[in-house]
Amino acid sequence: MIKKIKYVPILSIFMEQSPRVWNEFEWTQVEGSLTQDEIGFRVQSHGFRGMTVFFMLISFGFSFAGFTIFFASMSTTGLGGEIFAIPFLVGGAVNFVLFLFMLKGTTTFNMNRQGITLSRSLFGVTKSKTRLVSDLQSIESMVVYRMNKQPRHGVGLKFNNAKPLKFGVTLSSVEQNWMISEMSQFLQR
């Protein structure tokens, strides 16, 4: 019999803080930290699941089609075939990066009294979005995208005069609601 080990959040290790340990979920992708002046979450990668396999197959398909068109046109036609292959090669590269992010990427959310930062990183390359807390309108469950006309919800932060920050679409609704309530409680202090 295999004993289930509860996951303990360890975000404090990279934030160099001693957090309050929150969640009692049997399994989670979320690590969290809370101090007097800052709250932070790190959402681990999606893993090798259905959507990850989809992006992998699409990237291989686009790349295969692009290289086939490119090399076939080199022997039969002029420059037109090579130019026609470029969108397929670019599509394959973009889908491959999405596949890698879903497999190995992390999303980090940090909020202090002045600002909010949402960072997505893959192999040391980080892209961040920063907003002011004073521009924050609401924190709620939000539709991130639709798949087969079915909405996929995540944690969303609405702002005045800026696009909302959305993340956590791979988390369960219980984890999303927990994160929303923790962020709301942090702002009310």
N, C-alpha and C. Protein backbone atom coordinates (compact mmCIF):
# COMPACT_ATOMS: atom_id res chain seq x y z
N MET A 1 0.84 -1.18 0.00
CA MET A 1 0.00 0.00 0.00
C MET A 1 0.89 1.25 0.00
N ILE A 2 0.55 2.18 -0.87
CA ILE A 2 1.32 3.41 -0.99
C ILE A 2 0.68 4.48 -0.12
N LYS A 3 1.48 5.10 0.71
CA LYS A 3 0.99 6.16 1.58
C LYS A 3 1.02 7.49 0.83
N LYS A 4 -0.07 8.23 0.90
CA LYS A 4 -0.14 9.54 0.26
C LYS A 4 0.59 10.56 1.13
N ILE A 5 1.45 11.32 0.50
CA ILE A 5 2.19 12.37 1.20
C ILE A 5 1.57 13.70 0.82
N LYS A 6 1.22 14.46 1.82
CA LYS A 6 0.62 15.77 1.55
C LYS A 6 1.69 16.73 1.05
N TYR A 7 1.30 17.53 0.08
CA TYR A 7 2.19 18.52 -0.51
C TYR A 7 2.23 19.75 0.37
N VAL A 8 3.41 20.21 0.73
CA VAL A 8 3.56 21.39 1.57
C VAL A 8 4.13 22.51 0.72
N PRO A 9 3.50 23.67 0.70
CA PRO A 9 4.01 24.79 -0.09
C PRO A 9 5.40 25.21 0.36
N ILE A 10 6.28 25.45 -0.60
CA ILE A 10 7.65 25.84 -0.27
C ILE A 10 8.09 27.09 -1.03
N LEU A 11 7.17 27.93 -1.42
CA LEU A 11 7.52 29.15 -2.14
C LEU A 11 8.45 30.02 -1.31
N SER A 12 8.38 29.91 0.00
CA SER A 12 9.20 30.74 0.87
C SER A 12 10.69 30.52 0.64
N ILE A 13 11.06 29.38 0.10
CA ILE A 13 12.48 29.11 -0.13
C ILE A 13 13.03 30.10 -1.14
N PHE A 14 12.30 30.33 -2.24
CA PHE A 14 12.86 31.28 -3.20
C PHE A 14 12.47 32.71 -2.88
N MET A 15 11.51 32.93 -1.99
CA MET A 15 11.17 34.29 -1.59
C MET A 15 11.91 34.69 -0.32
N GLU A 16 12.63 33.74 0.28
CA GLU A 16 13.40 33.96 1.51
C GLU A 16 12.52 34.52 2.64
N GLN A 17 11.38 33.93 2.82
CA GLN A 17 10.45 34.32 3.89
C GLN A 17 10.04 33.06 4.64
N SER A 18 9.43 33.23 5.79
CA SER A 18 8.85 32.09 6.48
C SER A 18 7.33 32.24 6.41
N PRO A 19 6.68 31.46 5.56
CA PRO A 19 5.26 31.67 5.31
C PRO A 19 4.37 30.95 6.30
N ARG A 20 3.12 31.33 6.25
CA ARG A 20 2.08 30.55 6.90
C ARG A 20 1.76 29.42 5.92
N VAL A 21 1.73 28.19 6.38
CA VAL A 21 1.42 27.06 5.50
C VAL A 21 -0.08 26.93 5.41
N TRP A 22 -0.61 27.00 4.19
CA TRP A 22 -2.05 27.03 4.04
C TRP A 22 -2.68 25.72 3.68
N ASN A 23 -2.41 25.26 2.47
CA ASN A 23 -3.34 24.30 1.89
C ASN A 23 -3.17 22.90 2.44
N GLU A 24 -4.28 22.21 2.49
CA GLU A 24 -4.33 20.85 2.97
C GLU A 24 -4.77 19.91 1.85
N PHE A 25 -4.53 20.33 0.59
CA PHE A 25 -4.92 19.49 -0.53
C PHE A 25 -4.02 18.27 -0.59
N GLU A 26 -4.59 17.14 -1.00
CA GLU A 26 -3.80 15.92 -1.13
C GLU A 26 -2.75 16.08 -2.23
N TRP A 27 -3.12 16.76 -3.30
CA TRP A 27 -2.20 16.97 -4.41
C TRP A 27 -2.48 18.33 -4.99
N THR A 28 -1.46 19.10 -5.25
CA THR A 28 -1.67 20.42 -5.81
C THR A 28 -0.46 20.83 -6.64
N GLN A 29 -0.68 21.76 -7.55
CA GLN A 29 0.39 22.33 -8.35
C GLN A 29 0.81 23.69 -7.79
N VAL A 30 0.22 24.13 -6.68
CA VAL A 30 0.43 25.48 -6.18
C VAL A 30 1.36 25.47 -4.98
N GLU A 31 2.33 26.38 -5.00
CA GLU A 31 3.15 26.66 -3.83
C GLU A 31 2.81 28.08 -3.42
N GLY A 32 2.72 28.35 -2.13
CA GLY A 32 2.31 29.67 -1.70
C GLY A 32 3.12 30.21 -0.54
N SER A 33 3.15 31.53 -0.45
CA SER A 33 3.85 32.21 0.63
C SER A 33 3.07 33.45 1.02
N LEU A 34 3.02 33.73 2.31
CA LEU A 34 2.32 34.91 2.80
C LEU A 34 3.13 35.54 3.92
N THR A 35 3.43 36.82 3.76
CA THR A 35 4.07 37.59 4.82
C THR A 35 3.16 38.79 5.11
N GLN A 36 3.59 39.65 5.99
CA GLN A 36 2.79 40.83 6.32
C GLN A 36 2.60 41.75 5.12
N ASP A 37 3.62 41.85 4.27
CA ASP A 37 3.59 42.80 3.17
C ASP A 37 3.50 42.18 1.79
N GLU A 38 3.49 40.85 1.68
CA GLU A 38 3.52 40.23 0.36
C GLU A 38 2.84 38.88 0.37
N ILE A 39 2.18 38.56 -0.75
CA ILE A 39 1.60 37.24 -0.96
C ILE A 39 2.12 36.75 -2.31
N GLY A 40 2.42 35.47 -2.39
CA GLY A 40 2.95 34.92 -3.63
C GLY A 40 2.49 33.50 -3.87
N PHE A 41 2.32 33.17 -5.15
CA PHE A 41 1.96 31.82 -5.56
C PHE A 41 2.87 31.42 -6.71
N ARG A 42 3.19 30.14 -6.77
CA ARG A 42 3.88 29.60 -7.94
C ARG A 42 3.10 28.38 -8.40
N VAL A 43 2.68 28.42 -9.65
CA VAL A 43 1.91 27.32 -10.25
C VAL A 43 2.87 26.52 -11.12
N GLN A 44 2.99 25.25 -10.82
CA GLN A 44 3.90 24.39 -11.58
C GLN A 44 3.34 24.09 -12.96
N SER A 45 4.13 23.42 -13.76
CA SER A 45 3.76 23.15 -15.15
C SER A 45 2.54 22.24 -15.23
N HIS A 46 1.93 22.27 -16.39
CA HIS A 46 0.73 21.50 -16.68
C HIS A 46 1.02 20.00 -16.67
N GLY A 47 2.20 19.61 -17.08
CA GLY A 47 2.57 18.21 -17.14
C GLY A 47 2.19 17.59 -18.47
N PHE A 48 2.44 16.32 -18.61
CA PHE A 48 2.18 15.61 -19.87
C PHE A 48 0.74 15.11 -19.86
N ARG A 49 -0.18 16.00 -20.21
CA ARG A 49 -1.61 15.68 -20.24
C ARG A 49 -2.14 15.89 -21.65
N GLY A 50 -3.45 15.82 -21.80
CA GLY A 50 -4.07 15.89 -23.12
C GLY A 50 -3.71 17.11 -23.93
N MET A 51 -3.79 18.30 -23.32
CA MET A 51 -3.50 19.52 -24.07
C MET A 51 -2.02 19.60 -24.43
N THR A 52 -1.16 19.11 -23.57
CA THR A 52 0.28 19.11 -23.87
C THR A 52 0.57 18.20 -25.05
N VAL A 53 -0.04 17.03 -25.07
CA VAL A 53 0.13 16.11 -26.20
C VAL A 53 -0.40 16.74 -27.48
N PHE A 54 -1.53 17.45 -27.39
CA PHE A 54 -2.09 18.14 -28.55
C PHE A 54 -1.09 19.13 -29.14
N PHE A 55 -0.49 19.98 -28.31
CA PHE A 55 0.49 20.95 -28.82
C PHE A 55 1.74 20.25 -29.37
N MET A 56 2.13 19.14 -28.77
CA MET A 56 3.28 18.40 -29.28
C MET A 56 2.98 17.87 -30.68
N LEU A 57 1.83 17.25 -30.86
CA LEU A 57 1.48 16.69 -32.16
C LEU A 57 1.29 17.78 -33.21
N ILE A 58 0.67 18.89 -32.84
CA ILE A 58 0.50 20.00 -33.77
C ILE A 58 1.86 20.56 -34.18
N SER A 59 2.78 20.72 -33.23
CA SER A 59 4.10 21.26 -33.58
C SER A 59 4.85 20.31 -34.50
N PHE A 60 4.76 19.00 -34.24
CA PHE A 60 5.42 18.05 -35.13
C PHE A 60 4.77 18.06 -36.51
N GLY A 61 3.44 18.16 -36.56
CA GLY A 61 2.73 18.20 -37.84
C GLY A 61 3.10 19.42 -38.67
N PHE A 62 3.08 20.61 -38.04
CA PHE A 62 3.46 21.83 -38.76
C PHE A 62 4.91 21.76 -39.22
N SER A 63 5.79 21.29 -38.37
CA SER A 63 7.21 21.22 -38.73
C SER A 63 7.43 20.23 -39.86
N PHE A 64 6.79 19.07 -39.78
CA PHE A 64 6.92 18.07 -40.84
C PHE A 64 6.41 18.61 -42.16
N ALA A 65 5.24 19.26 -42.13
CA ALA A 65 4.69 19.84 -43.36
C ALA A 65 5.61 20.93 -43.90
N GLY A 66 6.12 21.78 -43.04
CA GLY A 66 7.00 22.85 -43.47
C GLY A 66 8.28 22.34 -44.10
N PHE A 67 8.93 21.38 -43.44
CA PHE A 67 10.17 20.84 -44.00
C PHE A 67 9.91 20.06 -45.29
N THR A 68 8.80 19.33 -45.35
CA THR A 68 8.47 18.60 -46.58
C THR A 68 8.27 19.56 -47.74
N ILE A 69 7.49 20.61 -47.52
CA ILE A 69 7.26 21.61 -48.57
C ILE A 69 8.57 22.29 -48.94
N PHE A 70 9.36 22.64 -47.95
CA PHE A 70 10.62 23.36 -48.18
C PHE A 70 11.58 22.54 -49.04
N PHE A 71 11.83 21.29 -48.64
CA PHE A 71 12.81 20.48 -49.37
C PHE A 71 12.27 19.98 -50.70
N ALA A 72 10.96 19.72 -50.78
CA ALA A 72 10.38 19.31 -52.06
C ALA A 72 10.43 20.45 -53.06
N SER A 73 10.20 21.65 -52.61
CA SER A 73 10.21 22.79 -53.52
C SER A 73 11.62 23.17 -53.96
N MET A 74 12.63 22.81 -53.18
CA MET A 74 14.01 23.12 -53.58
C MET A 74 14.39 22.39 -54.86
N SER A 75 13.86 21.20 -55.05
CA SER A 75 14.24 20.42 -56.23
C SER A 75 13.29 20.62 -57.41
N THR A 76 12.10 21.16 -57.17
CA THR A 76 11.12 21.25 -58.27
C THR A 76 10.78 22.66 -58.69
N THR A 77 10.64 23.59 -57.80
CA THR A 77 10.20 24.94 -58.16
C THR A 77 11.24 25.97 -57.75
N GLY A 78 10.89 27.20 -57.99
CA GLY A 78 11.79 28.29 -57.61
C GLY A 78 11.61 28.67 -56.16
N LEU A 79 11.73 29.94 -55.87
CA LEU A 79 11.70 30.47 -54.51
C LEU A 79 10.31 30.43 -53.89
N GLY A 80 9.26 30.32 -54.69
CA GLY A 80 7.89 30.35 -54.18
C GLY A 80 7.58 29.25 -53.18
N GLY A 81 8.11 28.05 -53.39
CA GLY A 81 7.86 26.94 -52.48
C GLY A 81 8.48 27.15 -51.12
N GLU A 82 9.70 27.70 -51.11
CA GLU A 82 10.36 27.97 -49.84
C GLU A 82 9.62 29.03 -49.04
N ILE A 83 9.14 30.05 -49.73
CA ILE A 83 8.38 31.10 -49.07
C ILE A 83 7.06 30.55 -48.54
N PHE A 84 6.42 29.65 -49.30
CA PHE A 84 5.17 29.04 -48.88
C PHE A 84 5.37 28.19 -47.62
N ALA A 85 6.56 27.63 -47.41
CA ALA A 85 6.84 26.76 -46.26
C ALA A 85 7.05 27.54 -44.97
N ILE A 86 7.38 28.83 -45.07
CA ILE A 86 7.71 29.62 -43.87
C ILE A 86 6.59 29.65 -42.84
N PRO A 87 5.31 29.89 -43.20
CA PRO A 87 4.26 29.88 -42.16
C PRO A 87 4.14 28.55 -41.43
N PHE A 88 4.38 27.44 -42.13
CA PHE A 88 4.31 26.13 -41.49
C PHE A 88 5.45 25.96 -40.48
N LEU A 89 6.64 26.42 -40.86
CA LEU A 89 7.78 26.31 -39.95
C LEU A 89 7.60 27.22 -38.73
N VAL A 90 7.08 28.42 -38.94
CA VAL A 90 6.83 29.34 -37.82
C VAL A 90 5.74 28.76 -36.91
N GLY A 91 4.67 28.22 -37.50
CA GLY A 91 3.60 27.60 -36.71
C GLY A 91 4.12 26.43 -35.89
N GLY A 92 5.01 25.63 -36.47
CA GLY A 92 5.61 24.52 -35.73
C GLY A 92 6.46 25.00 -34.58
N ALA A 93 7.23 26.07 -34.80
CA ALA A 93 8.09 26.61 -33.74
C ALA A 93 7.27 27.19 -32.59
N VAL A 94 6.21 27.94 -32.92
CA VAL A 94 5.35 28.54 -31.88
C VAL A 94 4.67 27.44 -31.06
N ASN A 95 4.13 26.43 -31.72
CA ASN A 95 3.47 25.34 -31.00
C ASN A 95 4.46 24.53 -30.19
N PHE A 96 5.71 24.42 -30.64
CA PHE A 96 6.72 23.71 -29.87
C PHE A 96 7.05 24.46 -28.58
N VAL A 97 7.13 25.79 -28.66
CA VAL A 97 7.38 26.59 -27.45
C VAL A 97 6.20 26.45 -26.48
N LEU A 98 4.96 26.47 -26.98
CA LEU A 98 3.79 26.25 -26.12
C LEU A 98 3.85 24.87 -25.46
N PHE A 99 4.23 23.86 -26.23
CA PHE A 99 4.37 22.51 -25.70
C PHE A 99 5.41 22.48 -24.57
N LEU A 100 6.57 23.11 -24.79
CA LEU A 100 7.61 23.13 -23.75
C LEU A 100 7.14 23.87 -22.50
N PHE A 101 6.43 25.01 -22.68
CA PHE A 101 5.95 25.74 -21.51
C PHE A 101 4.96 24.91 -20.71
N MET A 102 4.05 24.22 -21.40
CA MET A 102 3.07 23.40 -20.68
C MET A 102 3.74 22.21 -20.00
N LEU A 103 4.86 21.77 -20.54
CA LEU A 103 5.56 20.63 -19.96
C LEU A 103 6.51 21.03 -18.82
N LYS A 104 7.22 22.17 -18.97
CA LYS A 104 8.26 22.54 -18.01
C LYS A 104 8.16 23.96 -17.46
N GLY A 105 7.23 24.76 -17.90
CA GLY A 105 7.16 26.16 -17.48
C GLY A 105 6.51 26.35 -16.12
N THR A 106 6.77 27.51 -15.51
CA THR A 106 6.14 27.87 -14.24
C THR A 106 5.55 29.27 -14.34
N THR A 107 4.50 29.48 -13.58
CA THR A 107 3.86 30.79 -13.49
C THR A 107 3.98 31.26 -12.05
N THR A 108 4.48 32.47 -11.85
CA THR A 108 4.67 33.02 -10.51
C THR A 108 3.86 34.30 -10.37
N PHE A 109 3.11 34.39 -9.28
CA PHE A 109 2.29 35.56 -8.99
C PHE A 109 2.76 36.15 -7.67
N ASN A 110 3.08 37.44 -7.66
CA ASN A 110 3.48 38.15 -6.44
C ASN A 110 2.67 39.42 -6.30
N MET A 111 2.18 39.68 -5.10
CA MET A 111 1.42 40.90 -4.82
C MET A 111 1.94 41.50 -3.52
N ASN A 112 2.29 42.78 -3.58
CA ASN A 112 2.61 43.50 -2.35
C ASN A 112 1.64 44.67 -2.25
N ARG A 113 1.88 45.59 -1.35
CA ARG A 113 0.93 46.70 -1.14
C ARG A 113 0.90 47.69 -2.30
N GLN A 114 1.95 47.72 -3.12
CA GLN A 114 2.00 48.68 -4.22
C GLN A 114 1.73 48.05 -5.59
N GLY A 115 2.26 46.86 -5.85
CA GLY A 115 2.19 46.30 -7.19
C GLY A 115 1.87 44.82 -7.24
N ILE A 116 1.49 44.38 -8.44
CA ILE A 116 1.17 42.99 -8.72
C ILE A 116 2.03 42.57 -9.91
N THR A 117 2.69 41.43 -9.81
CA THR A 117 3.52 40.93 -10.90
C THR A 117 3.13 39.49 -11.21
N LEU A 118 2.90 39.22 -12.50
CA LEU A 118 2.64 37.87 -12.99
C LEU A 118 3.76 37.52 -13.95
N SER A 119 4.53 36.48 -13.62
CA SER A 119 5.68 36.08 -14.43
C SER A 119 5.49 34.66 -14.92
N ARG A 120 5.86 34.46 -16.16
CA ARG A 120 5.88 33.11 -16.74
C ARG A 120 7.31 32.83 -17.18
N SER A 121 7.85 31.68 -16.76
CA SER A 121 9.25 31.39 -17.09
C SER A 121 9.39 29.99 -17.66
N LEU A 122 10.35 29.88 -18.57
CA LEU A 122 10.68 28.61 -19.21
C LEU A 122 12.18 28.56 -19.40
N PHE A 123 12.85 27.63 -18.75
CA PHE A 123 14.30 27.45 -18.86
C PHE A 123 15.07 28.74 -18.60
N GLY A 124 14.67 29.49 -17.60
CA GLY A 124 15.39 30.70 -17.21
C GLY A 124 14.97 31.96 -17.95
N VAL A 125 14.17 31.84 -19.00
CA VAL A 125 13.67 33.01 -19.73
C VAL A 125 12.33 33.38 -19.12
N THR A 126 12.21 34.63 -18.66
CA THR A 126 11.02 35.07 -17.94
C THR A 126 10.36 36.23 -18.65
N LYS A 127 9.03 36.17 -18.72
CA LYS A 127 8.24 37.29 -19.24
C LYS A 127 7.29 37.71 -18.12
N SER A 128 7.33 39.00 -17.76
CA SER A 128 6.54 39.49 -16.63
C SER A 128 5.57 40.57 -17.06
N LYS A 129 4.44 40.61 -16.36
CA LYS A 129 3.47 41.70 -16.50
C LYS A 129 3.28 42.31 -15.11
N THR A 130 3.33 43.63 -15.02
CA THR A 130 3.22 44.32 -13.74
C THR A 130 2.07 45.31 -13.79
N ARG A 131 1.29 45.36 -12.71
CA ARG A 131 0.19 46.31 -12.58
C ARG A 131 0.24 46.91 -11.18
N LEU A 132 -0.41 48.06 -11.01
CA LEU A 132 -0.51 48.70 -9.70
C LEU A 132 -1.73 48.17 -8.95
N VAL A 133 -1.58 48.01 -7.65
CA VAL A 133 -2.69 47.55 -6.82
C VAL A 133 -3.81 48.59 -6.82
N SER A 134 -3.46 49.87 -6.92
CA SER A 134 -4.48 50.93 -6.92
C SER A 134 -5.40 50.84 -8.14
N ASP A 135 -4.97 50.19 -9.22
CA ASP A 135 -5.80 50.03 -10.42
C ASP A 135 -6.65 48.76 -10.39
N LEU A 136 -6.50 47.94 -9.35
CA LEU A 136 -7.21 46.67 -9.27
C LEU A 136 -8.70 46.89 -9.01
N GLN A 137 -9.55 46.30 -9.86
CA GLN A 137 -11.00 46.39 -9.67
C GLN A 137 -11.54 45.20 -8.89
N SER A 138 -11.18 43.98 -9.34
CA SER A 138 -11.71 42.79 -8.68
C SER A 138 -10.81 41.59 -8.93
N ILE A 139 -10.97 40.60 -8.04
CA ILE A 139 -10.30 39.31 -8.17
C ILE A 139 -11.40 38.27 -8.23
N GLU A 140 -11.44 37.49 -9.30
CA GLU A 140 -12.55 36.55 -9.49
C GLU A 140 -12.14 35.41 -10.40
N SER A 141 -12.99 34.40 -10.45
CA SER A 141 -12.82 33.33 -11.42
C SER A 141 -13.23 33.88 -12.78
N MET A 142 -12.39 33.66 -13.78
CA MET A 142 -12.58 34.30 -15.08
C MET A 142 -12.35 33.27 -16.19
N VAL A 143 -13.08 33.41 -17.29
CA VAL A 143 -12.87 32.54 -18.45
C VAL A 143 -11.54 32.94 -19.10
N VAL A 144 -10.61 31.99 -19.17
CA VAL A 144 -9.31 32.24 -19.77
C VAL A 144 -9.35 31.95 -21.27
N TYR A 145 -9.96 30.83 -21.64
CA TYR A 145 -10.15 30.49 -23.05
C TYR A 145 -11.30 29.49 -23.14
N ARG A 146 -11.69 29.16 -24.36
CA ARG A 146 -12.75 28.17 -24.59
C ARG A 146 -12.18 27.03 -25.42
N MET A 147 -12.57 25.80 -25.04
CA MET A 147 -12.19 24.63 -25.79
C MET A 147 -13.47 23.87 -26.14
N ASN A 148 -13.71 23.69 -27.43
CA ASN A 148 -14.94 23.05 -27.91
C ASN A 148 -16.18 23.75 -27.34
N LYS A 149 -16.15 25.06 -27.35
CA LYS A 149 -17.22 25.93 -26.87
C LYS A 149 -17.47 25.82 -25.37
N GLN A 150 -16.59 25.14 -24.66
CA GLN A 150 -16.71 25.01 -23.21
C GLN A 150 -15.71 25.97 -22.55
N PRO A 151 -16.15 26.82 -21.63
CA PRO A 151 -15.23 27.77 -21.00
C PRO A 151 -14.24 27.07 -20.07
N ARG A 152 -13.01 27.54 -20.07
CA ARG A 152 -11.97 27.08 -19.15
C ARG A 152 -11.67 28.24 -18.22
N HIS A 153 -11.92 28.03 -16.94
CA HIS A 153 -11.79 29.10 -15.95
C HIS A 153 -10.42 29.09 -15.29
N GLY A 154 -10.00 30.27 -14.88
CA GLY A 154 -8.77 30.45 -14.13
C GLY A 154 -8.95 31.61 -13.16
N VAL A 155 -7.90 31.97 -12.48
CA VAL A 155 -7.91 33.11 -11.58
C VAL A 155 -7.70 34.36 -12.43
N GLY A 156 -8.57 35.35 -12.24
CA GLY A 156 -8.46 36.58 -13.03
C GLY A 156 -8.47 37.81 -12.15
N LEU A 157 -7.66 38.78 -12.52
CA LEU A 157 -7.61 40.07 -11.82
C LEU A 157 -7.96 41.15 -12.83
N LYS A 158 -9.06 41.87 -12.60
CA LYS A 158 -9.48 42.95 -13.49
C LYS A 158 -8.89 44.27 -13.01
N PHE A 159 -8.48 45.09 -13.99
CA PHE A 159 -7.85 46.38 -13.69
C PHE A 159 -8.53 47.50 -14.46
N ASN A 160 -8.38 48.72 -13.95
CA ASN A 160 -8.82 49.91 -14.68
C ASN A 160 -7.83 50.16 -15.82
N ASN A 161 -8.33 50.37 -17.01
CA ASN A 161 -7.51 50.76 -18.17
C ASN A 161 -6.37 49.80 -18.48
N ALA A 162 -6.52 48.52 -18.22
CA ALA A 162 -5.49 47.53 -18.56
C ALA A 162 -6.16 46.18 -18.75
N LYS A 163 -5.50 45.33 -19.51
CA LYS A 163 -6.01 43.98 -19.71
C LYS A 163 -5.93 43.21 -18.40
N PRO A 164 -6.87 42.29 -18.18
CA PRO A 164 -6.82 41.50 -16.95
C PRO A 164 -5.64 40.52 -16.96
N LEU A 165 -5.16 40.19 -15.78
CA LEU A 165 -4.16 39.14 -15.62
C LEU A 165 -4.90 37.85 -15.35
N LYS A 166 -4.61 36.80 -16.13
CA LYS A 166 -5.28 35.51 -15.98
C LYS A 166 -4.23 34.42 -15.85
N PHE A 167 -4.47 33.49 -14.94
CA PHE A 167 -3.56 32.36 -14.76
C PHE A 167 -4.27 31.27 -13.99
N GLY A 168 -3.63 30.12 -13.87
CA GLY A 168 -4.16 29.02 -13.07
C GLY A 168 -5.26 28.22 -13.72
N VAL A 169 -5.29 28.17 -15.04
CA VAL A 169 -6.36 27.45 -15.72
C VAL A 169 -6.25 25.94 -15.51
N THR A 170 -5.07 25.43 -15.19
CA THR A 170 -4.90 23.99 -14.99
C THR A 170 -5.25 23.55 -13.58
N LEU A 171 -5.55 24.50 -12.70
CA LEU A 171 -5.86 24.17 -11.31
C LEU A 171 -7.32 23.77 -11.16
N SER A 172 -7.62 23.04 -10.11
CA SER A 172 -9.01 22.68 -9.82
C SER A 172 -9.76 23.92 -9.33
N SER A 173 -11.08 23.88 -9.40
CA SER A 173 -11.87 25.03 -8.96
C SER A 173 -11.68 25.29 -7.46
N VAL A 174 -11.43 24.25 -6.68
CA VAL A 174 -11.18 24.42 -5.25
C VAL A 174 -9.90 25.23 -5.03
N GLU A 175 -8.84 24.89 -5.78
CA GLU A 175 -7.58 25.62 -5.65
C GLU A 175 -7.73 27.06 -6.13
N GLN A 176 -8.45 27.25 -7.23
CA GLN A 176 -8.66 28.61 -7.75
C GLN A 176 -9.41 29.46 -6.73
N ASN A 177 -10.48 28.92 -6.16
CA ASN A 177 -11.26 29.66 -5.16
C ASN A 177 -10.42 29.95 -3.91
N TRP A 178 -9.58 29.01 -3.52
CA TRP A 178 -8.69 29.22 -2.38
C TRP A 178 -7.73 30.38 -2.65
N MET A 179 -7.13 30.41 -3.85
CA MET A 179 -6.21 31.50 -4.20
C MET A 179 -6.93 32.84 -4.24
N ILE A 180 -8.14 32.86 -4.79
CA ILE A 180 -8.92 34.10 -4.86
C ILE A 180 -9.23 34.61 -3.46
N SER A 181 -9.63 33.70 -2.55
CA SER A 181 -9.96 34.13 -1.19
C SER A 181 -8.72 34.62 -0.44
N GLU A 182 -7.58 33.96 -0.64
CA GLU A 182 -6.35 34.40 0.03
C GLU A 182 -5.92 35.78 -0.46
N MET A 183 -6.02 36.02 -1.77
CA MET A 183 -5.65 37.33 -2.31
C MET A 183 -6.60 38.41 -1.80
N SER A 184 -7.89 38.10 -1.75
CA SER A 184 -8.88 39.08 -1.27
C SER A 184 -8.64 39.41 0.20
N GLN A 185 -8.36 38.39 1.01
CA GLN A 185 -8.08 38.62 2.43
C GLN A 185 -6.81 39.44 2.62
N PHE A 186 -5.81 39.21 1.78
CA PHE A 186 -4.56 39.97 1.87
C PHE A 186 -4.82 41.44 1.60
N LEU A 187 -5.65 41.75 0.62
CA LEU A 187 -5.94 43.15 0.28
C LEU A 187 -6.78 43.85 1.34
N GLN A 188 -7.59 43.09 2.10
CA GLN A 188 -8.46 43.69 3.11
C GLN A 188 -7.71 44.04 4.38
N ARG A 189 -6.51 43.53 4.57
CA ARG A 189 -5.73 43.83 5.78
C ARG A 189 -5.17 45.21 5.75
